[in-house]
Protein backbone atom coordinates (compact mmCIF):
# COMPACT_ATOMS: atom_id res chain seq x y z
CA UNK A 1 0.00 0.00 0.00
CA UNK A 2 3.01 2.30 -0.17
CA UNK A 3 2.95 5.20 -2.59
CA UNK A 4 4.71 4.37 -5.85
CA UNK A 5 6.82 7.23 -7.20
CA UNK A 6 6.67 7.81 -10.94
CA UNK A 7 9.00 9.62 -13.28
CA UNK A 8 8.11 13.06 -14.55
CA UNK A 9 8.81 14.96 -17.72
CA UNK A 10 10.88 18.14 -18.06
CA UNK A 11 7.95 20.48 -17.43
CA UNK A 12 6.95 18.78 -14.18
CA UNK A 13 10.37 18.37 -12.52
CA UNK A 14 9.34 20.44 -9.50
CA UNK A 15 6.23 18.35 -8.89
CA UNK A 16 6.06 15.03 -7.10
CA UNK A 17 4.21 12.32 -9.00
CA UNK A 18 3.13 9.06 -7.40
CA UNK A 19 0.40 6.46 -7.39
CA UNK A 20 -1.63 6.66 -4.21
CA UNK A 21 -3.47 3.45 -3.32
CA UNK A 22 -6.66 3.54 -1.28
CA UNK A 23 -8.25 0.65 0.58
CA UNK A 24 -11.23 -1.06 -0.98
CA UNK A 25 -13.45 -0.74 2.06
CA UNK A 26 -14.93 -3.20 4.51
CA UNK A 27 -14.45 -6.98 4.32
CA UNK A 28 -16.68 -9.52 6.07
CA UNK A 29 -14.96 -12.83 6.83
CA UNK A 30 -17.23 -15.65 7.97
CA UNK A 31 -14.85 -18.39 9.03
CA UNK A 32 -15.63 -22.09 8.43
CA UNK A 33 -15.68 -24.69 11.18
CA UNK A 34 -13.04 -26.93 9.55
CA UNK A 35 -9.48 -25.57 9.92
CA UNK A 36 -10.91 -22.45 11.58
CA UNK A 37 -7.63 -20.86 12.63
CA UNK A 38 -5.77 -21.31 9.33
CA UNK A 39 -8.63 -20.30 7.04
CA UNK A 40 -9.48 -17.32 9.21
CA UNK A 41 -6.00 -15.87 9.58
CA UNK A 42 -5.04 -16.29 5.91
CA UNK A 43 -8.04 -14.21 4.83
CA UNK A 44 -7.57 -11.72 7.66
CA UNK A 45 -3.93 -11.04 6.80
CA UNK A 46 -4.72 -10.61 3.12
CA UNK A 47 -7.54 -8.15 3.76
CA UNK A 48 -5.52 -6.10 6.24
CA UNK A 49 -2.50 -6.05 3.92
CA UNK A 50 -4.71 -4.64 1.18
CA UNK A 51 -5.72 -1.81 3.50
CA UNK A 52 -9.29 -2.89 4.13
CA UNK A 53 -11.11 -2.94 7.45
CA UNK A 54 -12.36 -6.36 8.54
CA UNK A 55 -15.35 -7.73 10.41
CA UNK A 56 -14.40 -11.25 11.48
CA UNK A 57 -17.08 -13.80 12.38
CA UNK A 58 -15.54 -17.09 13.57
CA UNK A 59 -17.62 -20.25 13.38
CA UNK A 60 -19.82 -20.87 16.41
CA UNK A 61 -19.21 -24.61 16.04
CA UNK A 62 -15.52 -24.25 16.94
CA UNK A 63 -16.06 -22.38 20.20
CA UNK A 64 -12.50 -22.73 21.46
CA UNK A 65 -11.03 -21.08 18.39
CA UNK A 66 -13.73 -18.42 18.50
CA UNK A 67 -12.74 -17.44 22.04
CA UNK A 68 -9.01 -17.50 21.30
CA UNK A 69 -9.41 -15.22 18.28
CA UNK A 70 -11.57 -12.79 20.25
CA UNK A 71 -9.01 -12.60 23.07
CA UNK A 72 -5.68 -12.73 21.22
CA UNK A 73 -6.23 -10.62 18.09
CA UNK A 74 -6.98 -7.35 19.94
CA UNK A 75 -3.69 -7.72 21.81
CA UNK A 76 -1.62 -7.70 18.62
CA UNK A 77 -3.64 -5.80 16.02
CA UNK A 78 -4.98 -2.26 15.88
CA UNK A 79 -8.63 -2.45 16.93
CA UNK A 80 -9.61 0.44 14.68
CA UNK A 81 -9.17 -1.74 11.57
CA UNK A 82 -10.97 -4.94 12.60
CA UNK A 83 -13.73 -6.30 14.81
CA UNK A 84 -14.47 -9.83 15.99
CA UNK A 85 -18.17 -10.73 16.22
CA UNK A 86 -19.10 -13.75 18.33
CA UNK A 87 -22.36 -15.64 18.15
CA UNK A 88 -24.51 -17.91 16.04
CA UNK A 89 -26.67 -17.60 12.94
CA UNK A 90 -28.58 -14.58 14.28
CA UNK A 91 -25.41 -12.52 14.67
CA UNK A 92 -24.22 -13.66 11.25
CA UNK A 93 -27.47 -12.51 9.67
CA UNK A 94 -27.19 -9.07 11.23
C-alpha atoms as a PDB file:
ATOM      1  CA  UNK A   1       0.000   0.000   0.000  1.00  0.00           C
ATOM      2  CA  UNK A   2       3.012   2.304  -0.175  1.00  0.00           C
ATOM      3  CA  UNK A   3       2.954   5.203  -2.593  1.00  0.00           C
ATOM      4  CA  UNK A   4       4.708   4.369  -5.853  1.00  0.00           C
ATOM      5  CA  UNK A   5       6.819   7.233  -7.199  1.00  0.00           C
ATOM      6  CA  UNK A   6       6.672   7.808 -10.939  1.00  0.00           C
ATOM      7  CA  UNK A   7       9.000   9.619 -13.275  1.00  0.00           C
ATOM      8  CA  UNK A   8       8.106  13.062 -14.554  1.00  0.00           C
ATOM      9  CA  UNK A   9       8.806  14.964 -17.721  1.00  0.00           C
ATOM     10  CA  UNK A  10      10.878  18.136 -18.057  1.00  0.00           C
ATOM     11  CA  UNK A  11       7.945  20.485 -17.433  1.00  0.00           C
ATOM     12  CA  UNK A  12       6.949  18.780 -14.178  1.00  0.00           C
ATOM     13  CA  UNK A  13      10.374  18.368 -12.518  1.00  0.00           C
ATOM     14  CA  UNK A  14       9.341  20.441  -9.504  1.00  0.00           C
ATOM     15  CA  UNK A  15       6.226  18.351  -8.886  1.00  0.00           C
ATOM     16  CA  UNK A  16       6.056  15.026  -7.102  1.00  0.00           C
ATOM     17  CA  UNK A  17       4.215  12.321  -9.000  1.00  0.00           C
ATOM     18  CA  UNK A  18       3.128   9.062  -7.405  1.00  0.00           C
ATOM     19  CA  UNK A  19       0.395   6.463  -7.394  1.00  0.00           C
ATOM     20  CA  UNK A  20      -1.630   6.658  -4.206  1.00  0.00           C
ATOM     21  CA  UNK A  21      -3.471   3.454  -3.317  1.00  0.00           C
ATOM     22  CA  UNK A  22      -6.656   3.540  -1.284  1.00  0.00           C
ATOM     23  CA  UNK A  23      -8.252   0.648   0.577  1.00  0.00           C
ATOM     24  CA  UNK A  24     -11.234  -1.064  -0.983  1.00  0.00           C
ATOM     25  CA  UNK A  25     -13.454  -0.740   2.063  1.00  0.00           C
ATOM     26  CA  UNK A  26     -14.930  -3.205   4.513  1.00  0.00           C
ATOM     27  CA  UNK A  27     -14.455  -6.980   4.323  1.00  0.00           C
ATOM     28  CA  UNK A  28     -16.682  -9.523   6.071  1.00  0.00           C
ATOM     29  CA  UNK A  29     -14.961 -12.828   6.828  1.00  0.00           C
ATOM     30  CA  UNK A  30     -17.229 -15.652   7.970  1.00  0.00           C
ATOM     31  CA  UNK A  31     -14.855 -18.394   9.029  1.00  0.00           C
ATOM     32  CA  UNK A  32     -15.633 -22.090   8.434  1.00  0.00           C
ATOM     33  CA  UNK A  33     -15.678 -24.690  11.176  1.00  0.00           C
ATOM     34  CA  UNK A  34     -13.039 -26.927   9.555  1.00  0.00           C
ATOM     35  CA  UNK A  35      -9.477 -25.568   9.916  1.00  0.00           C
ATOM     36  CA  UNK A  36     -10.910 -22.454  11.575  1.00  0.00           C
ATOM     37  CA  UNK A  37      -7.629 -20.864  12.628  1.00  0.00           C
ATOM     38  CA  UNK A  38      -5.774 -21.307   9.332  1.00  0.00           C
ATOM     39  CA  UNK A  39      -8.627 -20.304   7.043  1.00  0.00           C
ATOM     40  CA  UNK A  40      -9.476 -17.316   9.211  1.00  0.00           C
ATOM     41  CA  UNK A  41      -5.998 -15.869   9.580  1.00  0.00           C
ATOM     42  CA  UNK A  42      -5.042 -16.286   5.914  1.00  0.00           C
ATOM     43  CA  UNK A  43      -8.044 -14.211   4.834  1.00  0.00           C
ATOM     44  CA  UNK A  44      -7.574 -11.715   7.660  1.00  0.00           C
ATOM     45  CA  UNK A  45      -3.930 -11.045   6.804  1.00  0.00           C
ATOM     46  CA  UNK A  46      -4.720 -10.615   3.120  1.00  0.00           C
ATOM     47  CA  UNK A  47      -7.537  -8.155   3.761  1.00  0.00           C
ATOM     48  CA  UNK A  48      -5.519  -6.100   6.242  1.00  0.00           C
ATOM     49  CA  UNK A  49      -2.499  -6.047   3.923  1.00  0.00           C
ATOM     50  CA  UNK A  50      -4.707  -4.642   1.175  1.00  0.00           C
ATOM     51  CA  UNK A  51      -5.719  -1.812   3.503  1.00  0.00           C
ATOM     52  CA  UNK A  52      -9.290  -2.889   4.129  1.00  0.00           C
ATOM     53  CA  UNK A  53     -11.105  -2.940   7.445  1.00  0.00           C
ATOM     54  CA  UNK A  54     -12.355  -6.365   8.536  1.00  0.00           C
ATOM     55  CA  UNK A  55     -15.354  -7.733  10.408  1.00  0.00           C
ATOM     56  CA  UNK A  56     -14.396 -11.247  11.477  1.00  0.00           C
ATOM     57  CA  UNK A  57     -17.079 -13.801  12.383  1.00  0.00           C
ATOM     58  CA  UNK A  58     -15.537 -17.092  13.571  1.00  0.00           C
ATOM     59  CA  UNK A  59     -17.624 -20.249  13.383  1.00  0.00           C
ATOM     60  CA  UNK A  60     -19.824 -20.868  16.408  1.00  0.00           C
ATOM     61  CA  UNK A  61     -19.209 -24.614  16.039  1.00  0.00           C
ATOM     62  CA  UNK A  62     -15.517 -24.247  16.941  1.00  0.00           C
ATOM     63  CA  UNK A  63     -16.064 -22.375  20.200  1.00  0.00           C
ATOM     64  CA  UNK A  64     -12.501 -22.732  21.458  1.00  0.00           C
ATOM     65  CA  UNK A  65     -11.031 -21.082  18.388  1.00  0.00           C
ATOM     66  CA  UNK A  66     -13.733 -18.424  18.500  1.00  0.00           C
ATOM     67  CA  UNK A  67     -12.738 -17.436  22.044  1.00  0.00           C
ATOM     68  CA  UNK A  68      -9.006 -17.499  21.302  1.00  0.00           C
ATOM     69  CA  UNK A  69      -9.409 -15.221  18.276  1.00  0.00           C
ATOM     70  CA  UNK A  70     -11.569 -12.790  20.255  1.00  0.00           C
ATOM     71  CA  UNK A  71      -9.005 -12.600  23.072  1.00  0.00           C
ATOM     72  CA  UNK A  72      -5.676 -12.730  21.219  1.00  0.00           C
ATOM     73  CA  UNK A  73      -6.226 -10.623  18.085  1.00  0.00           C
ATOM     74  CA  UNK A  74      -6.983  -7.347  19.936  1.00  0.00           C
ATOM     75  CA  UNK A  75      -3.692  -7.724  21.810  1.00  0.00           C
ATOM     76  CA  UNK A  76      -1.622  -7.696  18.622  1.00  0.00           C
ATOM     77  CA  UNK A  77      -3.643  -5.797  16.016  1.00  0.00           C
ATOM     78  CA  UNK A  78      -4.976  -2.265  15.882  1.00  0.00           C
ATOM     79  CA  UNK A  79      -8.628  -2.449  16.929  1.00  0.00           C
ATOM     80  CA  UNK A  80      -9.609   0.438  14.684  1.00  0.00           C
ATOM     81  CA  UNK A  81      -9.173  -1.739  11.571  1.00  0.00           C
ATOM     82  CA  UNK A  82     -10.973  -4.936  12.598  1.00  0.00           C
ATOM     83  CA  UNK A  83     -13.733  -6.300  14.807  1.00  0.00           C
ATOM     84  CA  UNK A  84     -14.471  -9.830  15.993  1.00  0.00           C
ATOM     85  CA  UNK A  85     -18.172 -10.729  16.219  1.00  0.00           C
ATOM     86  CA  UNK A  86     -19.099 -13.753  18.334  1.00  0.00           C
ATOM     87  CA  UNK A  87     -22.357 -15.643  18.154  1.00  0.00           C
ATOM     88  CA  UNK A  88     -24.512 -17.912  16.040  1.00  0.00           C
ATOM     89  CA  UNK A  89     -26.667 -17.599  12.939  1.00  0.00           C
ATOM     90  CA  UNK A  90     -28.583 -14.583  14.280  1.00  0.00           C
ATOM     91  CA  UNK A  91     -25.411 -12.522  14.670  1.00  0.00           C
ATOM     92  CA  UNK A  92     -24.219 -13.660  11.249  1.00  0.00           C
ATOM     93  CA  UNK A  93     -27.471 -12.512   9.668  1.00  0.00           C
ATOM     94  CA  UNK A  94     -27.192  -9.074  11.233  1.00  0.00           C
END
